[in-house]
Amino acid sequence: MQQITININPSIYEHIMFFLRNLPKNLVDIQTQTIKKKPSQSSGSKAFGLLNGKIKDPVAWQKAIREESDRDIYQDFQR
């Protein structure tokens, strides 16, 4: 037997599995493994896109921008 590993988009997963399940059982051994995203991919711990490599700590940068923006807004109301 030969072995292949493929990463499949969830939108076509059921179609691929339907096809594989309909092949003769003595010719195909189906083993599935669900891959979960790493926490760093979903938590935004790294800057990406235009900010990639320019901002060392995106969370601290965002907080500083918000504080600066809030300070400017409150100064307008105090006048």
N, C-alpha and C. Protein backbone atom coordinates (compact mmCIF):
# COMPACT_ATOMS: atom_id res chain seq x y z
N MET A 1 0.84 -1.19 0.00
CA MET A 1 0.00 0.00 0.00
C MET A 1 0.87 1.25 0.00
N GLN A 2 0.34 2.30 -0.54
CA GLN A 2 0.96 3.62 -0.51
C GLN A 2 0.24 4.47 0.52
N GLN A 3 0.93 5.48 1.04
CA GLN A 3 0.31 6.36 2.03
C GLN A 3 0.41 7.80 1.55
N ILE A 4 -0.69 8.53 1.67
CA ILE A 4 -0.68 9.96 1.35
C ILE A 4 -1.28 10.73 2.53
N THR A 5 -0.85 11.95 2.67
CA THR A 5 -1.39 12.85 3.68
C THR A 5 -1.84 14.11 2.95
N ILE A 6 -3.08 14.51 3.16
CA ILE A 6 -3.59 15.72 2.51
C ILE A 6 -4.28 16.60 3.55
N ASN A 7 -4.17 17.89 3.36
CA ASN A 7 -4.90 18.87 4.16
C ASN A 7 -6.07 19.34 3.33
N ILE A 8 -7.26 19.21 3.88
CA ILE A 8 -8.47 19.50 3.12
C ILE A 8 -9.23 20.64 3.79
N ASN A 9 -9.68 21.57 2.97
CA ASN A 9 -10.53 22.66 3.44
C ASN A 9 -11.83 22.06 3.96
N PRO A 10 -12.34 22.54 5.09
CA PRO A 10 -13.58 21.99 5.64
C PRO A 10 -14.77 22.03 4.67
N SER A 11 -14.76 22.95 3.75
CA SER A 11 -15.88 23.07 2.82
C SER A 11 -16.00 21.89 1.86
N ILE A 12 -14.90 21.16 1.61
CA ILE A 12 -14.97 20.01 0.71
C ILE A 12 -14.70 18.69 1.42
N TYR A 13 -14.52 18.75 2.72
CA TYR A 13 -14.18 17.55 3.50
C TYR A 13 -15.20 16.43 3.29
N GLU A 14 -16.48 16.73 3.43
CA GLU A 14 -17.51 15.70 3.31
C GLU A 14 -17.52 15.06 1.92
N HIS A 15 -17.27 15.84 0.88
CA HIS A 15 -17.24 15.30 -0.48
C HIS A 15 -16.09 14.30 -0.66
N ILE A 16 -14.92 14.69 -0.14
CA ILE A 16 -13.75 13.81 -0.25
C ILE A 16 -13.98 12.53 0.54
N MET A 17 -14.50 12.67 1.76
CA MET A 17 -14.74 11.49 2.59
C MET A 17 -15.79 10.58 1.97
N PHE A 18 -16.81 11.14 1.35
CA PHE A 18 -17.83 10.33 0.67
C PHE A 18 -17.17 9.48 -0.42
N PHE A 19 -16.32 10.13 -1.20
CA PHE A 19 -15.62 9.41 -2.27
C PHE A 19 -14.76 8.28 -1.71
N LEU A 20 -13.97 8.59 -0.70
CA LEU A 20 -13.06 7.59 -0.12
C LEU A 20 -13.83 6.43 0.52
N ARG A 21 -14.92 6.73 1.18
CA ARG A 21 -15.71 5.67 1.83
C ARG A 21 -16.35 4.73 0.81
N ASN A 22 -16.55 5.21 -0.40
CA ASN A 22 -17.17 4.38 -1.42
C ASN A 22 -16.18 3.55 -2.22
N LEU A 23 -14.91 3.66 -1.93
CA LEU A 23 -13.91 2.79 -2.55
C LEU A 23 -13.92 1.44 -1.83
N PRO A 24 -13.46 0.39 -2.48
CA PRO A 24 -13.45 -0.94 -1.83
C PRO A 24 -12.65 -0.91 -0.52
N LYS A 25 -13.22 -1.48 0.52
CA LYS A 25 -12.61 -1.47 1.85
C LYS A 25 -11.27 -2.19 1.89
N ASN A 26 -11.10 -3.20 1.05
CA ASN A 26 -9.83 -3.93 1.07
C ASN A 26 -8.71 -3.17 0.35
N LEU A 27 -9.05 -2.09 -0.34
CA LEU A 27 -8.05 -1.30 -1.06
C LEU A 27 -7.69 0.01 -0.36
N VAL A 28 -8.57 0.45 0.55
CA VAL A 28 -8.36 1.77 1.19
C VAL A 28 -8.54 1.65 2.69
N ASP A 29 -7.60 2.17 3.43
CA ASP A 29 -7.69 2.26 4.89
C ASP A 29 -7.72 3.75 5.22
N ILE A 30 -8.86 4.24 5.66
CA ILE A 30 -9.03 5.67 5.92
C ILE A 30 -8.72 5.96 7.38
N GLN A 31 -7.81 6.88 7.60
CA GLN A 31 -7.46 7.34 8.94
C GLN A 31 -7.53 8.86 8.92
N THR A 32 -8.38 9.44 9.75
CA THR A 32 -8.54 10.89 9.77
C THR A 32 -7.88 11.48 11.00
N GLN A 33 -7.46 12.72 10.86
CA GLN A 33 -6.87 13.46 11.97
C GLN A 33 -7.28 14.91 11.81
N THR A 34 -7.92 15.46 12.83
CA THR A 34 -8.32 16.86 12.80
C THR A 34 -7.18 17.72 13.32
N ILE A 35 -6.84 18.74 12.57
CA ILE A 35 -5.77 19.65 12.96
C ILE A 35 -6.39 20.92 13.51
N LYS A 36 -6.05 21.23 14.75
CA LYS A 36 -6.55 22.45 15.37
C LYS A 36 -5.53 23.56 15.15
N LYS A 37 -6.04 24.77 15.01
CA LYS A 37 -5.13 25.90 14.86
C LYS A 37 -4.35 26.12 16.13
N LYS A 38 -3.13 26.54 15.98
CA LYS A 38 -2.30 26.84 17.13
C LYS A 38 -2.85 28.10 17.81
N PRO A 39 -2.74 28.21 19.14
CA PRO A 39 -3.23 29.40 19.82
C PRO A 39 -2.63 30.69 19.29
N SER A 40 -1.37 30.65 18.87
CA SER A 40 -0.73 31.87 18.37
C SER A 40 -1.37 32.36 17.08
N GLN A 41 -1.97 31.46 16.30
CA GLN A 41 -2.60 31.87 15.06
C GLN A 41 -3.90 32.61 15.31
N SER A 42 -4.66 32.22 16.33
CA SER A 42 -5.94 32.84 16.56
C SER A 42 -5.89 33.97 17.57
N SER A 43 -4.86 34.03 18.41
CA SER A 43 -4.80 35.04 19.45
C SER A 43 -4.21 36.36 18.97
N GLY A 44 -3.63 36.38 17.79
CA GLY A 44 -3.05 37.61 17.27
C GLY A 44 -1.77 38.00 17.98
N SER A 45 -0.99 37.05 18.43
CA SER A 45 0.22 37.35 19.17
C SER A 45 1.35 37.85 18.26
N LYS A 46 1.19 37.72 16.97
CA LYS A 46 2.20 38.21 16.03
C LYS A 46 1.55 39.21 15.08
N ALA A 47 2.28 40.24 14.75
CA ALA A 47 1.79 41.20 13.77
C ALA A 47 1.90 40.58 12.39
N PHE A 48 0.98 40.93 11.52
CA PHE A 48 1.02 40.37 10.17
C PHE A 48 0.66 41.47 9.17
N GLY A 49 0.80 41.17 7.91
CA GLY A 49 0.46 42.13 6.86
C GLY A 49 1.41 43.30 6.85
N LEU A 50 0.86 44.50 6.82
CA LEU A 50 1.67 45.71 6.75
C LEU A 50 2.50 45.94 8.01
N LEU A 51 2.05 45.39 9.14
CA LEU A 51 2.74 45.61 10.40
C LEU A 51 3.80 44.55 10.70
N ASN A 52 3.89 43.54 9.87
CA ASN A 52 4.82 42.44 10.12
C ASN A 52 6.25 42.94 10.21
N GLY A 53 6.91 42.66 11.32
CA GLY A 53 8.30 43.03 11.52
C GLY A 53 8.49 44.46 12.01
N LYS A 54 7.45 45.26 12.06
CA LYS A 54 7.57 46.65 12.48
C LYS A 54 7.13 46.87 13.92
N ILE A 55 6.30 45.96 14.43
CA ILE A 55 5.78 46.09 15.78
C ILE A 55 6.16 44.83 16.56
N LYS A 56 6.91 45.03 17.65
CA LYS A 56 7.38 43.88 18.43
C LYS A 56 6.26 43.29 19.28
N ASP A 57 5.44 44.13 19.90
CA ASP A 57 4.35 43.66 20.76
C ASP A 57 3.05 44.31 20.29
N PRO A 58 2.29 43.62 19.43
CA PRO A 58 1.07 44.21 18.87
C PRO A 58 0.04 44.61 19.92
N VAL A 59 -0.06 43.86 21.01
CA VAL A 59 -1.04 44.19 22.04
C VAL A 59 -0.68 45.49 22.73
N ALA A 60 0.58 45.65 23.10
CA ALA A 60 1.03 46.89 23.74
C ALA A 60 0.88 48.07 22.78
N TRP A 61 1.19 47.85 21.51
CA TRP A 61 1.04 48.90 20.51
C TRP A 61 -0.41 49.33 20.39
N GLN A 62 -1.32 48.36 20.36
CA GLN A 62 -2.74 48.68 20.24
C GLN A 62 -3.24 49.46 21.47
N LYS A 63 -2.80 49.04 22.65
CA LYS A 63 -3.20 49.76 23.87
C LYS A 63 -2.71 51.21 23.84
N ALA A 64 -1.47 51.40 23.38
CA ALA A 64 -0.92 52.76 23.31
C ALA A 64 -1.70 53.61 22.32
N ILE A 65 -2.07 53.04 21.19
CA ILE A 65 -2.85 53.78 20.20
C ILE A 65 -4.21 54.16 20.77
N ARG A 66 -4.84 53.22 21.47
CA ARG A 66 -6.15 53.51 22.07
C ARG A 66 -6.06 54.60 23.12
N GLU A 67 -5.03 54.53 23.99
CA GLU A 67 -4.86 55.56 25.02
C GLU A 67 -4.63 56.92 24.38
N GLU A 68 -3.83 56.96 23.34
CA GLU A 68 -3.58 58.22 22.64
C GLU A 68 -4.86 58.76 22.02
N SER A 69 -5.62 57.89 21.40
CA SER A 69 -6.87 58.29 20.77
C SER A 69 -7.87 58.77 21.82
N ASP A 70 -7.98 58.05 22.93
CA ASP A 70 -8.91 58.45 24.00
C ASP A 70 -8.51 59.80 24.58
N ARG A 71 -7.21 60.02 24.75
CA ARG A 71 -6.73 61.28 25.31
C ARG A 71 -7.14 62.43 24.39
N ASP A 72 -6.98 62.27 23.09
CA ASP A 72 -7.36 63.31 22.14
C ASP A 72 -8.85 63.58 22.16
N ILE A 73 -9.65 62.54 22.29
CA ILE A 73 -11.10 62.71 22.31
C ILE A 73 -11.53 63.45 23.54
N TYR A 74 -10.99 63.09 24.70
CA TYR A 74 -11.39 63.74 25.95
C TYR A 74 -10.94 65.19 25.99
N GLN A 75 -9.84 65.53 25.37
CA GLN A 75 -9.39 66.91 25.35
C GLN A 75 -10.36 67.77 24.57
N ASP A 76 -10.96 67.21 23.52
CA ASP A 76 -11.95 67.95 22.74
C ASP A 76 -13.18 68.27 23.58
N PHE A 77 -13.58 67.36 24.45
CA PHE A 77 -14.77 67.59 25.28
C PHE A 77 -14.50 68.54 26.43
N GLN A 78 -13.26 68.66 26.84
CA GLN A 78 -12.94 69.51 27.97
C GLN A 78 -12.81 70.97 27.56
N ARG A 79 -12.77 71.24 26.30
CA ARG A 79 -12.61 72.65 25.86
C ARG A 79 -13.87 73.43 26.02
